[in-house]
Amino acid sequence: MATDRQAGQRSEVLQGTLEMLALKLLTAEPMHGWGLSLKLRLISRDVFDVNQGSLYPALQRMLRRGWIRAEWRASENNRRARYYMITREGFRQLDAEIEEWERSSGAVNRVLRYAFQGG
């Protein structure tokens, strides 16, 4: 029997992963905030729904830290939008965050396997 989440319910991005996911998306191409949100939803197959109240503060933090830079451009519908691009420091940060994610998610998987094996 499917749970609500399995039946297509969206969820917030896991705590601490929004910046990593945004940086990863920006390795493909510069994007504006709305585009980042849509791309994350598309790639996650509608599982992750990033609200603007989470995304824009994360983008501002990354700008302050030098992980991304921004410039104003015309969007696809010819409106002015702020486009974000990953910097060299952002690539270094992304590598570090991916390494930490792999370490942490591996630990979670080991605990789950242990629990399912009955201890």
C-alpha atoms as a PDB file:
ATOM      1  CA  MET A   1       0.000   0.000   0.000  1.00  0.00           C
ATOM      2  CA  ALA A   2       1.422   3.408  -0.991  1.00  0.00           C
ATOM      3  CA  THR A   3       1.958   6.103   1.595  1.00  0.00           C
ATOM      4  CA  ASP A   4       1.041   9.725   0.892  1.00  0.00           C
ATOM      5  CA  ARG A   5       4.657  10.518   0.051  1.00  0.00           C
ATOM      6  CA  GLN A   6       4.852   7.567  -2.342  1.00  0.00           C
ATOM      7  CA  ALA A   7       1.625   8.699  -3.990  1.00  0.00           C
ATOM      8  CA  GLY A   8       3.233  11.954  -5.123  1.00  0.00           C
ATOM      9  CA  GLN A   9       3.186  14.248  -2.118  1.00  0.00           C
ATOM     10  CA  ARG A  10       5.926  16.867  -2.320  1.00  0.00           C
ATOM     11  CA  SER A  11       8.384  17.504   0.470  1.00  0.00           C
ATOM     12  CA  GLU A  12      10.814  20.215   1.431  1.00  0.00           C
ATOM     13  CA  VAL A  13      14.428  19.671   0.505  1.00  0.00           C
ATOM     14  CA  LEU A  14      16.275  17.930   3.333  1.00  0.00           C
ATOM     15  CA  GLN A  15      17.813  20.259   5.901  1.00  0.00           C
ATOM     16  CA  GLY A  16      21.280  21.314   4.820  1.00  0.00           C
ATOM     17  CA  THR A  17      21.041  20.132   1.203  1.00  0.00           C
ATOM     18  CA  LEU A  18      19.472  23.126  -0.563  1.00  0.00           C
ATOM     19  CA  GLU A  19      22.768  24.921  -1.121  1.00  0.00           C
ATOM     20  CA  MET A  20      24.444  21.738  -2.383  1.00  0.00           C
ATOM     21  CA  LEU A  21      21.589  21.047  -4.815  1.00  0.00           C
ATOM     22  CA  ALA A  22      21.495  24.660  -6.064  1.00  0.00           C
ATOM     23  CA  LEU A  23      25.260  24.671  -6.609  1.00  0.00           C
ATOM     24  CA  LYS A  24      25.005  21.392  -8.523  1.00  0.00           C
ATOM     25  CA  LEU A  25      22.261  22.763 -10.786  1.00  0.00           C
ATOM     26  CA  LEU A  26      24.336  25.888 -11.446  1.00  0.00           C
ATOM     27  CA  THR A  27      27.193  23.743 -12.787  1.00  0.00           C
ATOM     28  CA  ALA A  28      25.021  23.107 -15.860  1.00  0.00           C
ATOM     29  CA  GLU A  29      24.092  26.705 -16.668  1.00  0.00           C
ATOM     30  CA  PRO A  30      23.355  30.088 -15.096  1.00  0.00           C
ATOM     31  CA  MET A  31      19.785  30.254 -13.782  1.00  0.00           C
ATOM     32  CA  HIS A  32      17.455  32.678 -12.081  1.00  0.00           C
ATOM     33  CA  GLY A  33      15.838  31.730  -8.786  1.00  0.00           C
ATOM     34  CA  TRP A  34      12.520  30.649 -10.251  1.00  0.00           C
ATOM     35  CA  GLY A  35      14.357  28.527 -12.827  1.00  0.00           C
ATOM     36  CA  LEU A  36      16.372  26.835 -10.067  1.00  0.00           C
ATOM     37  CA  SER A  37      13.184  26.007  -8.198  1.00  0.00           C
ATOM     38  CA  LEU A  38      11.505  24.573 -11.303  1.00  0.00           C
ATOM     39  CA  LYS A  39      14.577  22.561 -12.351  1.00  0.00           C
ATOM     40  CA  LEU A  40      14.918  21.029  -8.884  1.00  0.00           C
ATOM     41  CA  ARG A  41      11.272  20.020  -8.942  1.00  0.00           C
ATOM     42  CA  LEU A  42      11.618  18.564 -12.441  1.00  0.00           C
ATOM     43  CA  ILE A  43      14.788  16.580 -11.749  1.00  0.00           C
ATOM     44  CA  SER A  44      13.456  15.285  -8.412  1.00  0.00           C
ATOM     45  CA  ARG A  45      10.298  14.141 -10.249  1.00  0.00           C
ATOM     46  CA  ASP A  46       8.119  16.495  -8.201  1.00  0.00           C
ATOM     47  CA  VAL A  47       9.407  15.254  -4.845  1.00  0.00           C
ATOM     48  CA  PHE A  48      11.255  18.427  -3.818  1.00  0.00           C
ATOM     49  CA  ASP A  49       9.315  21.666  -3.706  1.00  0.00           C
ATOM     50  CA  VAL A  50      11.533  24.620  -2.810  1.00  0.00           C
ATOM     51  CA  ASN A  51       9.600  27.649  -1.674  1.00  0.00           C
ATOM     52  CA  GLN A  52      10.926  31.116  -2.387  1.00  0.00           C
ATOM     53  CA  GLY A  53      11.205  31.799   1.349  1.00  0.00           C
ATOM     54  CA  SER A  54      13.939  29.148   1.528  1.00  0.00           C
ATOM     55  CA  LEU A  55      15.608  29.570  -1.847  1.00  0.00           C
ATOM     56  CA  TYR A  56      16.321  33.304  -1.891  1.00  0.00           C
ATOM     57  CA  PRO A  57      17.928  33.417   1.580  1.00  0.00           C
ATOM     58  CA  ALA A  58      20.111  30.454   0.509  1.00  0.00           C
ATOM     59  CA  LEU A  59      21.119  32.305  -2.665  1.00  0.00           C
ATOM     60  CA  GLN A  60      21.996  35.394  -0.601  1.00  0.00           C
ATOM     61  CA  ARG A  61      24.141  33.294   1.768  1.00  0.00           C
ATOM     62  CA  MET A  62      25.968  31.752  -1.181  1.00  0.00           C
ATOM     63  CA  LEU A  63      26.550  35.198  -2.707  1.00  0.00           C
ATOM     64  CA  ARG A  64      28.020  36.480   0.578  1.00  0.00           C
ATOM     65  CA  ARG A  65      30.282  33.439   0.830  1.00  0.00           C
ATOM     66  CA  GLY A  66      31.507  33.871  -2.748  1.00  0.00           C
ATOM     67  CA  TRP A  67      30.155  30.516  -3.936  1.00  0.00           C
ATOM     68  CA  ILE A  68      28.019  32.142  -6.638  1.00  0.00           C
ATOM     69  CA  ARG A  69      27.857  35.469  -8.423  1.00  0.00           C
ATOM     70  CA  ALA A  70      24.842  37.178  -9.965  1.00  0.00           C
ATOM     71  CA  GLU A  71      24.007  39.474 -12.843  1.00  0.00           C
ATOM     72  CA  TRP A  72      20.831  40.938 -14.262  1.00  0.00           C
ATOM     73  CA  ARG A  73      19.725  39.576 -17.655  1.00  0.00           C
ATOM     74  CA  ALA A  74      16.607  39.233 -19.762  1.00  0.00           C
ATOM     75  CA  SER A  75      14.766  35.998 -18.937  1.00  0.00           C
ATOM     76  CA  GLU A  76      13.097  33.585 -21.361  1.00  0.00           C
ATOM     77  CA  ASN A  77       9.962  35.752 -21.366  1.00  0.00           C
ATOM     78  CA  ASN A  78      12.044  38.919 -21.856  1.00  0.00           C
ATOM     79  CA  ARG A  79      11.697  40.141 -18.268  1.00  0.00           C
ATOM     80  CA  ARG A  80      14.593  41.304 -16.147  1.00  0.00           C
ATOM     81  CA  ALA A  81      15.817  38.545 -13.827  1.00  0.00           C
ATOM     82  CA  ARG A  82      18.834  37.992 -11.618  1.00  0.00           C
ATOM     83  CA  TYR A  83      20.858  35.063 -12.939  1.00  0.00           C
ATOM     84  CA  TYR A  84      23.191  33.115 -10.671  1.00  0.00           C
ATOM     85  CA  MET A  85      26.454  31.441 -11.687  1.00  0.00           C
ATOM     86  CA  ILE A  86      28.732  29.161  -9.687  1.00  0.00           C
ATOM     87  CA  THR A  87      32.235  30.469  -8.930  1.00  0.00           C
ATOM     88  CA  ARG A  88      35.513  28.605  -8.542  1.00  0.00           C
ATOM     89  CA  GLU A  89      35.023  28.746  -4.758  1.00  0.00           C
ATOM     90  CA  GLY A  90      31.509  27.395  -5.306  1.00  0.00           C
ATOM     91  CA  PHE A  91      32.896  24.379  -7.163  1.00  0.00           C
ATOM     92  CA  ARG A  92      35.245  23.685  -4.232  1.00  0.00           C
ATOM     93  CA  GLN A  93      32.360  24.001  -1.781  1.00  0.00           C
ATOM     94  CA  LEU A  94      30.180  21.718  -3.898  1.00  0.00           C
ATOM     95  CA  ASP A  95      32.881  19.038  -3.907  1.00  0.00           C
ATOM     96  CA  ALA A  96      33.146  19.260  -0.102  1.00  0.00           C
ATOM     97  CA  GLU A  97      29.361  19.116   0.353  1.00  0.00           C
ATOM     98  CA  ILE A  98      28.993  16.117  -1.971  1.00  0.00           C
ATOM     99  CA  GLU A  99      31.728  14.297  -0.053  1.00  0.00           C
ATOM    100  CA  GLU A 100      29.965  15.019   3.257  1.00  0.00           C
ATOM    101  CA  TRP A 101      26.578  13.977   1.810  1.00  0.00           C
ATOM    102  CA  GLU A 102      28.001  10.662   0.601  1.00  0.00           C
ATOM    103  CA  ARG A 103      29.591  10.021   4.000  1.00  0.00           C
ATOM    104  CA  SER A 104      26.410  10.906   5.922  1.00  0.00           C
ATOM    105  CA  SER A 105      23.961   9.119   3.625  1.00  0.00           C
ATOM    106  CA  GLY A 106      26.188   6.037   3.700  1.00  0.00           C
ATOM    107  CA  ALA A 107      26.038   6.069   7.499  1.00  0.00           C
ATOM    108  CA  VAL A 108      22.233   6.366   7.421  1.00  0.00           C
ATOM    109  CA  ASN A 109      22.037   3.433   4.998  1.00  0.00           C
ATOM    110  CA  ARG A 110      24.235   1.308   7.259  1.00  0.00           C
ATOM    111  CA  VAL A 111      21.927   2.013  10.216  1.00  0.00           C
ATOM    112  CA  LEU A 112      18.827   1.185   8.151  1.00  0.00           C
ATOM    113  CA  ARG A 113      20.334  -2.080   6.923  1.00  0.00           C
ATOM    114  CA  TYR A 114      21.287  -2.974  10.488  1.00  0.00           C
ATOM    115  CA  ALA A 115      17.756  -2.289  11.737  1.00  0.00           C
ATOM    116  CA  PHE A 116      16.196  -4.399   8.961  1.00  0.00           C
ATOM    117  CA  GLN A 117      18.519  -7.304   9.686  1.00  0.00           C
ATOM    118  CA  GLY A 118      17.203  -7.456  13.217  1.00  0.00           C
ATOM    119  CA  GLY A 119      20.257  -6.152  14.987  1.00  0.00           C
END
